[in-house]
Amino acid sequence: MIVVSDGHDPKTADLFSEETRNKKQETNNSQFSILNSQFLEIPKSQQGVARNRGVALATAPLVMFIGDDIFLEPHACEVHLKAHNQQPATSNQQSILGFTTWDPALGITPVMRWLEKSGWQFGYPLLKNYEHKPIPAHMQHRFTYTSHISLPTEVAKKYPFHEDVTLYGWEDIEWGSRLRDGGVPLIFEPDARALHHHHITLESSLKRMETLGQSAVRMGSLLLGFDRLPRGWKLLRYKISSMLPTMAGKHRRAFLSGMNKR
C-alpha cells in the first residue's frame, strides 16, 4: 500500500509515523496492519503529480488507484485481481474499472443522486450494457475514473499523468484518452465495489461545476484532442438549457460561468 499525501496533513502523517506504528504493534491493533506500506508526503501539487509519485514507488505487477475518500468493499481487490487474471495471456495491457457509489452513511442529497444518474460525477448507469467486458474504445476515456481503477504497473508508468495541469478536473479523461490511443482496453467490473465517502450539497456541486468549466478551457488550450469542451451546436444547447430552472440547467449555467473566467 502506497499512500501519497498531497501537501502536509498532520493527522495523515501521524497515522504513518514510527511512533504510531510501534504503539499499534504493542497493542496488537490490526487496524493498519498492512505489510509493506509506504507513506510519501509531497509539496502541495495536484492529483496527477501525487499519482505519478506513487506509481514511481510501485513494484507489484499491478497498481490500483483510489482516492482518499473511496472505501473499498472487502472483496474489491480480489475482483480486480481475478479480472486481470481472466484476460488472455497474450494481452496483459488491460485496465479494470470498479463500481463506485455514494456512501449512504453520509446522507445522499438530491443533487448527489442527479450527479450519479447524469454522469457528471460517475456515469455508471451508462455502462449497464458493458458489465464484465470492454467498454467501447470510442467512449472508454470518459470512464477512466482514477478513484477506483487498476492496470499493469508498466502501463501506468508508460502513461503518466500530466503535471502541468493545476486546476481540478479532466485529468482522468485526458489520461484515459492516451490509454485508449495506446490500445489499452477498459473493462468494467461492477462486482468490484466501493463507496464514495463525500457529502455534496447543491452549492458545493455548482462551485465544482464552475471549476470544471474553467479547467476545461485550460485543458483544451494545453492538449490536442481534448473533446469535453462544448463547441458549436453543443455549446448552443448548453446555453439554451442553462436558462432552465432545472438541476441540469443550474449546473450547465455554472459550467459556462467557469468557461468565461479568465
Protein backbone atom coordinates (compact mmCIF):
# COMPACT_ATOMS: atom_id res chain seq x y z
CA MET A 1 0.00 0.00 0.00
CA ILE A 2 1.40 3.36 -1.07
CA VAL A 3 -0.13 6.47 0.49
CA VAL A 4 0.79 9.80 -1.08
CA SER A 5 -0.15 12.90 0.90
CA ASP A 6 -0.55 15.86 -1.46
CA GLY A 7 0.65 18.55 0.93
CA HIS A 8 1.27 18.22 4.66
CA ASP A 9 -1.64 16.92 6.71
CA PRO A 10 -0.75 16.32 10.40
CA LYS A 11 -3.39 13.63 11.02
CA THR A 12 -2.38 11.65 7.93
CA ALA A 13 1.30 11.92 8.75
CA ASP A 14 0.62 10.79 12.33
CA LEU A 15 -1.08 7.60 11.11
CA PHE A 16 2.17 6.53 9.47
CA SER A 17 4.66 7.84 12.00
CA GLU A 18 7.10 5.39 13.56
CA GLU A 19 5.65 6.13 16.99
CA THR A 20 2.10 5.27 15.89
CA ARG A 21 3.25 2.08 14.17
CA ASN A 22 5.10 0.96 17.31
CA LYS A 23 2.08 1.66 19.51
CA LYS A 24 -0.19 -0.40 17.28
CA GLN A 25 2.25 -3.29 17.31
CA GLU A 26 2.43 -3.14 21.11
CA THR A 27 -1.36 -3.16 21.47
CA ASN A 28 -1.78 -5.72 18.67
CA ASN A 29 -4.13 -3.33 16.90
CA SER A 30 -4.62 -4.72 13.40
CA GLN A 31 -6.44 -1.68 12.02
CA PHE A 32 -3.41 -0.66 9.96
CA SER A 33 -1.54 -3.96 9.87
CA ILE A 34 -0.79 -3.84 6.15
CA LEU A 35 2.58 -5.26 5.14
CA ASN A 36 4.95 -3.24 3.01
CA SER A 37 3.04 0.01 3.32
CA GLN A 38 4.81 3.19 2.25
CA PHE A 39 3.97 6.80 3.09
CA LEU A 40 5.13 9.69 0.94
CA GLU A 41 4.46 13.34 1.65
CA ILE A 42 4.96 15.78 -1.23
CA PRO A 43 4.64 19.57 -1.52
CA LYS A 44 1.08 20.60 -2.38
CA SER A 45 0.75 19.87 -6.08
CA GLN A 46 -2.23 18.18 -7.76
CA GLN A 47 -3.79 14.74 -8.10
CA GLY A 48 -1.77 13.86 -11.19
CA VAL A 49 1.54 14.66 -9.53
CA ALA A 50 0.62 12.62 -6.44
CA ARG A 51 -0.37 9.62 -8.55
CA ASN A 52 2.84 9.78 -10.57
CA ARG A 53 4.91 9.84 -7.40
CA GLY A 54 3.04 6.83 -6.06
CA VAL A 55 3.43 4.85 -9.28
CA ALA A 56 7.16 5.56 -9.25
CA LEU A 57 7.37 3.65 -5.95
CA ALA A 58 5.22 0.72 -7.11
CA THR A 59 6.97 -2.64 -7.59
CA ALA A 60 3.99 -5.03 -7.85
CA PRO A 61 2.86 -6.11 -11.35
CA LEU A 62 -0.48 -4.31 -10.94
CA VAL A 63 -1.39 -0.95 -9.47
CA MET A 64 -4.81 0.28 -8.34
CA PHE A 65 -5.63 3.95 -7.94
CA ILE A 66 -8.15 5.00 -5.30
CA GLY A 67 -8.96 8.39 -3.83
CA ASP A 68 -8.70 9.40 -0.19
CA ASP A 69 -12.50 9.31 0.15
CA ILE A 70 -13.02 5.93 -1.52
CA PHE A 71 -13.84 3.00 0.79
CA LEU A 72 -13.29 -0.34 -0.94
CA GLU A 73 -15.65 -3.15 -0.01
CA PRO A 74 -13.94 -6.32 1.36
CA HIS A 75 -13.64 -8.26 -1.91
CA ALA A 76 -12.91 -5.36 -4.28
CA CYS A 77 -9.18 -6.08 -4.67
CA GLU A 78 -9.87 -9.79 -5.19
CA VAL A 79 -12.30 -8.98 -8.01
CA HIS A 80 -9.72 -6.73 -9.69
CA LEU A 81 -7.07 -9.45 -9.50
CA LYS A 82 -9.44 -12.09 -10.84
CA ALA A 83 -10.46 -9.84 -13.73
CA HIS A 84 -6.84 -9.27 -14.71
CA ASN A 85 -6.05 -12.99 -14.47
CA GLN A 86 -9.02 -13.90 -16.68
CA GLN A 87 -7.68 -11.88 -19.59
CA PRO A 88 -5.80 -13.71 -22.39
CA ALA A 89 -2.19 -14.46 -21.52
CA THR A 90 -1.13 -12.69 -24.70
CA SER A 91 -2.80 -9.45 -23.60
CA ASN A 92 -1.84 -8.16 -20.17
CA GLN A 93 -2.34 -4.50 -21.01
CA GLN A 94 -5.97 -4.07 -19.95
CA SER A 95 -7.30 -1.73 -17.26
CA ILE A 96 -10.14 -2.60 -14.89
CA LEU A 97 -12.79 -0.13 -13.75
CA GLY A 98 -14.56 -0.89 -10.48
CA PHE A 99 -18.01 0.33 -9.43
CA THR A 100 -18.35 3.28 -7.05
CA THR A 101 -21.48 4.72 -5.49
CA TRP A 102 -22.23 7.22 -2.73
CA ASP A 103 -21.68 6.23 0.89
CA PRO A 104 -25.21 6.23 2.39
CA ALA A 105 -23.76 6.79 5.87
CA LEU A 106 -23.29 10.47 5.00
CA GLY A 107 -26.80 11.01 3.67
CA ILE A 108 -27.48 11.23 -0.05
CA THR A 109 -28.80 14.59 -1.23
CA PRO A 110 -30.95 15.13 -4.36
CA VAL A 111 -28.00 16.69 -6.18
CA MET A 112 -25.85 13.65 -5.38
CA ARG A 113 -28.47 11.38 -6.96
CA TRP A 114 -28.62 13.64 -10.01
CA LEU A 115 -24.83 13.72 -10.37
CA GLU A 116 -24.73 9.91 -10.34
CA LYS A 117 -27.53 9.49 -12.88
CA SER A 118 -26.43 12.29 -15.21
CA GLY A 119 -22.81 11.19 -15.42
CA TRP A 120 -21.39 14.47 -14.14
CA GLN A 121 -19.85 12.62 -11.19
CA PHE A 122 -19.85 8.94 -12.12
CA GLY A 123 -21.65 7.71 -15.24
CA TYR A 124 -22.11 4.07 -14.26
CA PRO A 125 -25.75 3.90 -15.46
CA LEU A 126 -24.35 4.39 -18.97
CA LEU A 127 -22.27 1.21 -18.59
CA LYS A 128 -25.14 -1.19 -17.94
CA ASN A 129 -24.59 -2.99 -21.26
CA TYR A 130 -20.83 -3.37 -20.71
CA GLU A 131 -20.63 -5.24 -17.43
CA HIS A 132 -17.68 -7.71 -17.30
CA LYS A 133 -16.48 -6.71 -20.75
CA PRO A 134 -14.57 -3.94 -22.52
CA ILE A 135 -16.16 -0.53 -22.82
CA PRO A 136 -16.21 0.55 -26.49
CA ALA A 137 -12.97 2.33 -27.33
CA HIS A 138 -14.65 5.49 -28.61
CA MET A 139 -16.16 6.16 -25.17
CA GLN A 140 -13.84 4.45 -22.69
CA HIS A 141 -11.83 7.60 -21.89
CA ARG A 142 -14.94 9.14 -20.32
CA PHE A 143 -14.90 6.43 -17.64
CA THR A 144 -11.25 6.19 -16.60
CA TYR A 145 -12.12 7.13 -13.02
CA THR A 146 -8.90 7.10 -11.01
CA SER A 147 -10.95 6.91 -7.84
CA HIS A 148 -11.21 3.15 -8.47
CA ILE A 149 -9.24 1.68 -11.37
CA SER A 150 -6.44 -0.86 -11.78
CA LEU A 151 -3.94 -1.58 -14.54
CA PRO A 152 -0.48 -3.09 -15.06
CA THR A 153 2.21 -1.05 -13.32
CA GLU A 154 4.27 -0.94 -16.52
CA VAL A 155 1.32 0.67 -18.30
CA ALA A 156 0.82 3.21 -15.50
CA LYS A 157 4.50 4.13 -15.75
CA LYS A 158 4.32 4.37 -19.53
CA TYR A 159 1.35 6.75 -19.39
CA PRO A 160 1.97 9.19 -16.51
CA PHE A 161 -0.47 11.96 -15.66
CA HIS A 162 0.20 15.45 -16.95
CA GLU A 163 1.86 17.53 -14.25
CA ASP A 164 1.26 20.93 -15.85
CA VAL A 165 -2.47 20.90 -15.08
CA THR A 166 -3.07 22.91 -11.93
CA LEU A 167 -6.88 23.15 -11.92
CA TYR A 168 -9.09 20.33 -10.66
CA GLY A 169 -10.92 18.22 -13.22
CA TRP A 170 -10.50 16.35 -16.54
CA GLU A 171 -7.03 14.91 -15.91
CA ASP A 172 -8.63 11.45 -15.67
CA ILE A 173 -10.27 11.80 -19.08
CA GLU A 174 -7.11 13.15 -20.72
CA TRP A 175 -5.14 10.26 -19.23
CA GLY A 176 -7.82 7.83 -20.42
CA SER A 177 -7.59 9.24 -23.94
CA ARG A 178 -3.91 8.32 -24.07
CA LEU A 179 -4.62 4.83 -22.74
CA ARG A 180 -7.27 4.41 -25.43
CA ASP A 181 -4.92 5.63 -28.16
CA GLY A 182 -2.26 3.25 -26.83
CA GLY A 183 -4.61 0.29 -27.30
CA VAL A 184 -5.25 -0.33 -23.59
CA PRO A 185 -8.88 -1.51 -23.19
CA LEU A 186 -11.01 -0.61 -20.18
CA ILE A 187 -13.08 -3.44 -18.71
CA PHE A 188 -15.97 -2.68 -16.36
CA GLU A 189 -16.24 -4.98 -13.34
CA PRO A 190 -19.33 -3.98 -11.31
CA ASP A 191 -18.59 -6.59 -8.63
CA ALA A 192 -15.52 -4.63 -7.51
CA ARG A 193 -17.47 -2.21 -5.35
CA ALA A 194 -16.54 0.88 -3.40
CA LEU A 195 -18.28 3.71 -1.54
CA HIS A 196 -17.59 7.38 -2.19
CA HIS A 197 -17.40 8.94 1.28
CA HIS A 198 -18.15 12.50 0.17
CA HIS A 199 -21.20 14.62 1.01
CA ILE A 200 -22.19 17.14 -1.69
CA THR A 201 -24.71 19.96 -1.44
CA LEU A 202 -26.18 21.88 -4.36
CA GLU A 203 -23.96 24.85 -3.51
CA SER A 204 -20.76 22.80 -3.47
CA SER A 205 -21.76 20.96 -6.63
CA LEU A 206 -22.31 24.21 -8.54
CA LYS A 207 -18.98 25.53 -7.30
CA ARG A 208 -17.31 22.31 -8.52
CA MET A 209 -19.06 22.67 -11.88
CA GLU A 210 -17.73 26.20 -12.27
CA THR A 211 -14.21 24.91 -11.62
CA LEU A 212 -14.75 22.16 -14.21
CA GLY A 213 -15.74 24.77 -16.79
CA GLN A 214 -12.64 26.82 -16.09
CA SER A 215 -10.49 23.70 -16.14
CA ALA A 216 -12.00 22.52 -19.45
CA VAL A 217 -10.91 25.72 -21.20
CA ARG A 218 -7.42 25.39 -19.76
CA MET A 219 -7.21 21.72 -20.72
CA GLY A 220 -8.44 22.45 -24.24
CA SER A 221 -5.67 25.02 -24.74
CA LEU A 222 -2.98 22.65 -23.47
CA LEU A 223 -3.89 19.32 -25.01
CA LEU A 224 -4.76 18.40 -28.56
CA GLY A 225 -7.82 16.21 -28.97
CA PHE A 226 -9.49 17.20 -25.68
CA ASP A 227 -13.16 16.61 -26.52
CA ARG A 228 -15.01 17.61 -23.36
CA LEU A 229 -15.26 21.32 -24.14
CA PRO A 230 -18.66 22.14 -25.70
CA ARG A 231 -18.36 23.80 -29.07
CA GLY A 232 -20.68 24.64 -31.95
CA TRP A 233 -24.18 23.21 -31.63
CA LYS A 234 -23.29 21.55 -28.32
CA LEU A 235 -22.31 24.91 -26.86
CA LEU A 236 -25.56 26.43 -28.15
CA ARG A 237 -27.56 23.64 -26.46
CA TYR A 238 -25.64 24.28 -23.25
CA LYS A 239 -26.56 27.96 -23.37
CA ILE A 240 -30.22 27.26 -24.05
CA SER A 241 -30.56 24.60 -21.34
CA SER A 242 -28.68 26.81 -18.85
CA MET A 243 -31.70 29.12 -18.85
CA LEU A 244 -33.93 26.41 -17.38
CA PRO A 245 -34.53 26.24 -13.59
CA THR A 246 -33.71 22.52 -13.56
CA MET A 247 -30.82 20.69 -11.92
CA ALA A 248 -29.20 20.28 -15.34
CA GLY A 249 -29.83 23.94 -16.20
CA LYS A 250 -28.22 25.18 -12.99
CA HIS A 251 -25.16 23.02 -13.49
CA ARG A 252 -24.71 24.00 -17.13
CA ARG A 253 -25.03 27.65 -16.14
CA ALA A 254 -22.26 27.18 -13.55
CA PHE A 255 -20.12 25.33 -16.11
CA LEU A 256 -20.50 28.13 -18.67
CA SER A 257 -19.66 30.67 -15.97
CA GLY A 258 -16.41 28.82 -15.33
CA MET A 259 -15.65 28.72 -19.06
CA ASN A 260 -15.95 32.50 -19.22
CA LYS A 261 -13.48 33.10 -16.39
CA ARG A 262 -10.01 34.26 -17.26
